[in-house]
N, C-alpha and C. Protein backbone atom coordinates (compact mmCIF):
# COMPACT_ATOMS: atom_id res chain seq x y z
N MET A 1 -28.32 -2.33 -9.86
CA MET A 1 -27.92 -2.81 -8.54
C MET A 1 -28.65 -1.98 -7.48
N LYS A 2 -29.11 -2.63 -6.45
CA LYS A 2 -29.88 -1.97 -5.41
C LYS A 2 -28.97 -1.25 -4.43
N ASP A 3 -29.53 -0.18 -3.82
CA ASP A 3 -28.79 0.58 -2.83
C ASP A 3 -29.06 -0.02 -1.46
N PHE A 4 -28.07 -0.73 -0.90
CA PHE A 4 -28.27 -1.42 0.36
C PHE A 4 -28.02 -0.52 1.57
N ASN A 5 -27.85 0.77 1.34
CA ASN A 5 -27.76 1.72 2.44
C ASN A 5 -29.07 2.49 2.59
N ASN A 6 -30.07 2.18 1.79
CA ASN A 6 -31.37 2.83 1.82
C ASN A 6 -32.25 2.10 2.85
N THR A 7 -32.60 2.80 3.95
CA THR A 7 -33.38 2.15 5.02
C THR A 7 -34.78 1.76 4.57
N THR A 8 -35.39 2.54 3.70
CA THR A 8 -36.73 2.20 3.20
C THR A 8 -36.68 0.89 2.42
N LEU A 9 -35.69 0.76 1.56
CA LEU A 9 -35.53 -0.47 0.79
C LEU A 9 -35.28 -1.66 1.72
N LEU A 10 -34.46 -1.48 2.72
CA LEU A 10 -34.18 -2.58 3.65
C LEU A 10 -35.43 -3.02 4.40
N LYS A 11 -36.29 -2.08 4.78
CA LYS A 11 -37.55 -2.43 5.46
C LYS A 11 -38.45 -3.23 4.53
N GLN A 12 -38.51 -2.81 3.25
CA GLN A 12 -39.33 -3.53 2.27
C GLN A 12 -38.80 -4.95 2.08
N LEU A 13 -37.51 -5.09 2.01
CA LEU A 13 -36.92 -6.41 1.83
C LEU A 13 -37.19 -7.32 3.03
N ALA A 14 -37.19 -6.74 4.23
CA ALA A 14 -37.45 -7.54 5.43
C ALA A 14 -38.87 -8.08 5.42
N GLU A 15 -39.81 -7.36 4.78
CA GLU A 15 -41.21 -7.77 4.77
C GLU A 15 -41.57 -8.69 3.59
N ASP A 16 -40.85 -8.61 2.49
CA ASP A 16 -41.20 -9.36 1.28
C ASP A 16 -40.13 -10.42 0.99
N ARG A 17 -40.52 -11.69 1.19
CA ARG A 17 -39.57 -12.80 1.04
C ARG A 17 -39.01 -12.92 -0.38
N GLU A 18 -39.87 -12.81 -1.41
CA GLU A 18 -39.41 -12.96 -2.79
C GLU A 18 -38.43 -11.86 -3.18
N SER A 19 -38.73 -10.63 -2.83
CA SER A 19 -37.82 -9.52 -3.14
C SER A 19 -36.51 -9.68 -2.39
N ARG A 20 -36.59 -10.21 -1.17
CA ARG A 20 -35.38 -10.40 -0.35
C ARG A 20 -34.43 -11.38 -1.01
N ILE A 21 -34.96 -12.48 -1.54
CA ILE A 21 -34.11 -13.48 -2.20
C ILE A 21 -33.43 -12.88 -3.42
N LEU A 22 -34.17 -12.13 -4.24
CA LEU A 22 -33.58 -11.49 -5.41
C LEU A 22 -32.55 -10.43 -5.00
N ALA A 23 -32.85 -9.71 -3.94
CA ALA A 23 -31.94 -8.66 -3.48
C ALA A 23 -30.64 -9.25 -2.96
N LEU A 24 -30.72 -10.41 -2.33
CA LEU A 24 -29.50 -11.03 -1.81
C LEU A 24 -28.55 -11.43 -2.94
N ILE A 25 -29.10 -11.79 -4.07
CA ILE A 25 -28.25 -12.09 -5.23
C ILE A 25 -27.49 -10.84 -5.63
N ASP A 26 -28.21 -9.70 -5.69
CA ASP A 26 -27.55 -8.42 -6.00
C ASP A 26 -26.56 -8.05 -4.90
N LEU A 27 -26.90 -8.36 -3.66
CA LEU A 27 -26.01 -8.03 -2.54
C LEU A 27 -24.69 -8.78 -2.67
N ASP A 28 -24.76 -10.07 -3.03
CA ASP A 28 -23.53 -10.84 -3.23
C ASP A 28 -22.64 -10.19 -4.29
N LEU A 29 -23.26 -9.74 -5.38
CA LEU A 29 -22.49 -9.07 -6.43
C LEU A 29 -21.90 -7.76 -5.93
N SER A 30 -22.67 -7.01 -5.16
CA SER A 30 -22.17 -5.72 -4.68
C SER A 30 -21.04 -5.91 -3.67
N ILE A 31 -21.12 -6.97 -2.86
CA ILE A 31 -20.04 -7.27 -1.92
C ILE A 31 -18.77 -7.62 -2.68
N ALA A 32 -18.90 -8.46 -3.69
CA ALA A 32 -17.73 -8.85 -4.49
C ALA A 32 -17.12 -7.63 -5.17
N GLU A 33 -17.96 -6.76 -5.73
CA GLU A 33 -17.45 -5.55 -6.37
C GLU A 33 -16.80 -4.62 -5.34
N GLY A 34 -17.39 -4.56 -4.14
CA GLY A 34 -16.82 -3.74 -3.08
C GLY A 34 -15.44 -4.23 -2.67
N PHE A 35 -15.29 -5.56 -2.56
CA PHE A 35 -13.98 -6.12 -2.23
C PHE A 35 -12.97 -5.83 -3.34
N LYS A 36 -13.41 -5.98 -4.57
CA LYS A 36 -12.51 -5.74 -5.71
C LYS A 36 -12.04 -4.28 -5.70
N GLU A 37 -12.95 -3.35 -5.47
CA GLU A 37 -12.59 -1.93 -5.41
C GLU A 37 -11.62 -1.66 -4.26
N ARG A 38 -11.89 -2.27 -3.11
CA ARG A 38 -11.03 -2.05 -1.94
C ARG A 38 -9.63 -2.61 -2.17
N ILE A 39 -9.54 -3.79 -2.79
CA ILE A 39 -8.24 -4.39 -3.10
C ILE A 39 -7.47 -3.49 -4.06
N GLU A 40 -8.15 -2.95 -5.06
CA GLU A 40 -7.50 -2.03 -6.00
C GLU A 40 -6.98 -0.80 -5.27
N GLN A 41 -7.76 -0.28 -4.32
CA GLN A 41 -7.34 0.90 -3.56
C GLN A 41 -6.12 0.57 -2.69
N ILE A 42 -6.12 -0.60 -2.07
CA ILE A 42 -4.98 -1.02 -1.24
C ILE A 42 -3.73 -1.15 -2.10
N ASN A 43 -3.85 -1.76 -3.28
CA ASN A 43 -2.70 -1.88 -4.18
C ASN A 43 -2.18 -0.50 -4.59
N CYS A 44 -3.08 0.43 -4.83
CA CYS A 44 -2.69 1.80 -5.17
C CYS A 44 -1.96 2.45 -3.99
N ASP A 45 -2.47 2.25 -2.78
CA ASP A 45 -1.82 2.80 -1.58
C ASP A 45 -0.43 2.21 -1.38
N ILE A 46 -0.26 0.92 -1.65
CA ILE A 46 1.05 0.28 -1.54
C ILE A 46 2.03 0.95 -2.51
N GLN A 47 1.58 1.20 -3.73
CA GLN A 47 2.44 1.87 -4.71
C GLN A 47 2.80 3.28 -4.26
N LYS A 48 1.84 3.99 -3.64
CA LYS A 48 2.11 5.35 -3.15
C LYS A 48 3.17 5.34 -2.05
N VAL A 49 3.06 4.40 -1.12
CA VAL A 49 4.04 4.28 -0.03
C VAL A 49 5.41 3.97 -0.60
N HIS A 50 5.46 3.06 -1.57
CA HIS A 50 6.73 2.70 -2.20
C HIS A 50 7.36 3.92 -2.89
N LEU A 51 6.55 4.66 -3.65
CA LEU A 51 7.07 5.84 -4.33
C LEU A 51 7.58 6.88 -3.33
N LEU A 52 6.89 7.04 -2.23
CA LEU A 52 7.34 7.97 -1.19
C LEU A 52 8.68 7.52 -0.61
N ALA A 53 8.81 6.24 -0.31
CA ALA A 53 10.06 5.71 0.24
C ALA A 53 11.21 5.88 -0.75
N VAL A 54 10.96 5.59 -2.02
CA VAL A 54 11.99 5.74 -3.05
C VAL A 54 12.39 7.22 -3.18
N SER A 55 11.41 8.09 -3.13
CA SER A 55 11.69 9.53 -3.24
C SER A 55 12.56 10.01 -2.08
N LEU A 56 12.27 9.54 -0.87
CA LEU A 56 13.08 9.93 0.29
C LEU A 56 14.50 9.36 0.18
N ALA A 57 14.62 8.15 -0.32
CA ALA A 57 15.96 7.57 -0.51
C ALA A 57 16.72 8.34 -1.58
N ASP A 58 16.03 8.78 -2.63
CA ASP A 58 16.69 9.59 -3.67
C ASP A 58 17.24 10.88 -3.09
N VAL A 59 16.48 11.53 -2.22
CA VAL A 59 16.96 12.75 -1.58
C VAL A 59 18.21 12.46 -0.75
N PHE A 60 18.20 11.36 -0.03
CA PHE A 60 19.37 10.96 0.76
C PHE A 60 20.59 10.79 -0.14
N TRP A 61 20.44 10.03 -1.24
CA TRP A 61 21.58 9.77 -2.12
C TRP A 61 22.05 11.03 -2.83
N GLU A 62 21.14 11.94 -3.17
CA GLU A 62 21.55 13.21 -3.77
C GLU A 62 22.45 13.99 -2.81
N GLU A 63 22.09 13.98 -1.54
CA GLU A 63 22.90 14.65 -0.53
C GLU A 63 24.28 13.99 -0.42
N VAL A 64 24.33 12.68 -0.45
CA VAL A 64 25.60 11.95 -0.38
C VAL A 64 26.48 12.33 -1.57
N TYR A 65 25.90 12.33 -2.78
CA TYR A 65 26.68 12.66 -3.97
C TYR A 65 27.17 14.10 -3.94
N GLU A 66 26.32 15.02 -3.47
CA GLU A 66 26.74 16.42 -3.37
C GLU A 66 27.91 16.57 -2.40
N ARG A 67 27.88 15.87 -1.29
CA ARG A 67 28.98 15.93 -0.34
C ARG A 67 30.26 15.35 -0.95
N GLN A 68 30.13 14.27 -1.70
CA GLN A 68 31.30 13.68 -2.34
C GLN A 68 31.91 14.64 -3.35
N GLU A 69 31.07 15.34 -4.12
CA GLU A 69 31.56 16.29 -5.10
C GLU A 69 32.29 17.47 -4.43
N ARG A 70 31.83 17.85 -3.24
CA ARG A 70 32.50 18.94 -2.50
C ARG A 70 33.74 18.45 -1.77
N GLY A 71 34.00 17.16 -1.84
CA GLY A 71 35.18 16.60 -1.20
C GLY A 71 35.02 16.33 0.29
N GLU A 72 33.79 16.35 0.77
CA GLU A 72 33.54 16.07 2.18
C GLU A 72 33.54 14.57 2.43
N LYS A 73 33.88 14.21 3.63
CA LYS A 73 33.88 12.79 4.01
C LYS A 73 32.44 12.31 4.17
N SER A 74 32.16 11.16 3.60
CA SER A 74 30.79 10.64 3.71
C SER A 74 30.60 9.92 5.04
N SER A 75 29.37 9.69 5.40
CA SER A 75 29.05 9.09 6.70
C SER A 75 29.11 7.57 6.67
N ARG A 76 29.32 6.98 5.50
CA ARG A 76 29.42 5.53 5.34
C ARG A 76 28.12 4.79 5.68
N ILE A 77 27.01 5.46 5.50
CA ILE A 77 25.72 4.79 5.66
C ILE A 77 25.00 4.80 4.33
N GLY A 78 24.05 3.91 4.17
CA GLY A 78 23.30 3.84 2.93
C GLY A 78 21.90 3.35 3.16
N ILE A 79 21.09 3.47 2.13
CA ILE A 79 19.70 3.04 2.19
C ILE A 79 19.32 2.43 0.85
N ARG A 80 18.49 1.41 0.90
CA ARG A 80 17.98 0.79 -0.32
C ARG A 80 16.49 0.52 -0.10
N VAL A 81 15.70 0.81 -1.13
CA VAL A 81 14.25 0.59 -1.07
C VAL A 81 13.89 -0.36 -2.20
N ARG A 82 13.18 -1.44 -1.84
CA ARG A 82 12.73 -2.42 -2.84
C ARG A 82 11.28 -2.78 -2.59
N LEU A 83 10.58 -3.06 -3.68
CA LEU A 83 9.21 -3.56 -3.60
C LEU A 83 9.28 -5.06 -3.71
N ARG A 84 8.82 -5.75 -2.67
CA ARG A 84 8.83 -7.22 -2.65
C ARG A 84 7.42 -7.71 -2.44
N GLY A 85 6.82 -8.19 -3.52
CA GLY A 85 5.43 -8.64 -3.42
C GLY A 85 4.52 -7.48 -3.07
N TYR A 86 3.90 -7.58 -1.91
CA TYR A 86 2.99 -6.53 -1.47
C TYR A 86 3.58 -5.69 -0.34
N ALA A 87 4.90 -5.65 -0.26
CA ALA A 87 5.55 -4.91 0.82
C ALA A 87 6.71 -4.10 0.27
N THR A 88 6.94 -2.97 0.89
CA THR A 88 8.11 -2.16 0.58
C THR A 88 9.16 -2.48 1.62
N GLU A 89 10.33 -2.90 1.16
CA GLU A 89 11.44 -3.20 2.07
C GLU A 89 12.40 -2.03 2.06
N ILE A 90 12.71 -1.52 3.23
CA ILE A 90 13.67 -0.43 3.38
C ILE A 90 14.84 -0.98 4.18
N SER A 91 16.03 -0.98 3.58
CA SER A 91 17.23 -1.50 4.24
C SER A 91 18.20 -0.36 4.49
N TYR A 92 18.73 -0.32 5.71
CA TYR A 92 19.74 0.67 6.06
C TYR A 92 21.07 -0.06 6.21
N TYR A 93 22.13 0.58 5.77
CA TYR A 93 23.45 -0.03 5.83
C TYR A 93 24.42 0.92 6.52
N LYS A 94 25.39 0.34 7.19
CA LYS A 94 26.44 1.12 7.83
C LYS A 94 27.78 0.49 7.48
N SER A 95 28.64 1.25 6.84
CA SER A 95 30.00 0.88 6.47
C SER A 95 30.08 -0.20 5.40
N SER A 96 28.99 -0.83 5.04
CA SER A 96 29.02 -1.90 4.07
C SER A 96 27.64 -2.03 3.45
N PHE A 97 27.60 -2.56 2.23
CA PHE A 97 26.31 -2.75 1.59
C PHE A 97 25.90 -4.21 1.59
N THR A 98 26.35 -4.95 2.60
CA THR A 98 25.86 -6.31 2.81
C THR A 98 25.13 -6.34 4.13
N VAL A 99 24.06 -7.06 4.18
CA VAL A 99 23.25 -7.12 5.38
C VAL A 99 23.93 -8.05 6.38
N LYS A 100 24.39 -7.47 7.49
CA LYS A 100 25.03 -8.28 8.53
C LYS A 100 24.03 -8.66 9.61
N ASN A 101 23.05 -7.83 9.77
CA ASN A 101 22.05 -8.04 10.80
C ASN A 101 20.68 -8.02 10.12
N GLU A 102 19.99 -9.13 10.12
CA GLU A 102 18.68 -9.21 9.45
C GLU A 102 17.67 -8.23 10.04
N LYS A 103 17.90 -7.76 11.26
CA LYS A 103 16.97 -6.83 11.89
C LYS A 103 17.09 -5.43 11.29
N SER A 104 18.08 -5.21 10.41
CA SER A 104 18.21 -3.90 9.78
C SER A 104 17.17 -3.72 8.68
N ASN A 105 16.48 -4.78 8.30
CA ASN A 105 15.40 -4.71 7.30
C ASN A 105 14.05 -4.71 8.01
N PHE A 106 13.13 -3.96 7.45
CA PHE A 106 11.77 -4.01 7.98
C PHE A 106 10.79 -3.76 6.87
């Protein structure tokens, strides 16, 4: 595969029609591979964000359970993290674990 960031190569391609046509075929393949790599990276980043959100929710729930074990009154709030398709949904709850206001999800 040709290096399309090489200025010398690009100048040669601009001057030679036959090489340019062959290079464009390689360019199409490199663009497709570039998109595939970028999509894989985005999917990996989505998983990282989800894991971070779940980890933060776990810390919250650990604190809630520790307070309950000490006999302290809980704050009656909660959090839930779900992966839905390509998005992480974080829901906050107050006094109930049913969504009363759709704006509580983002």
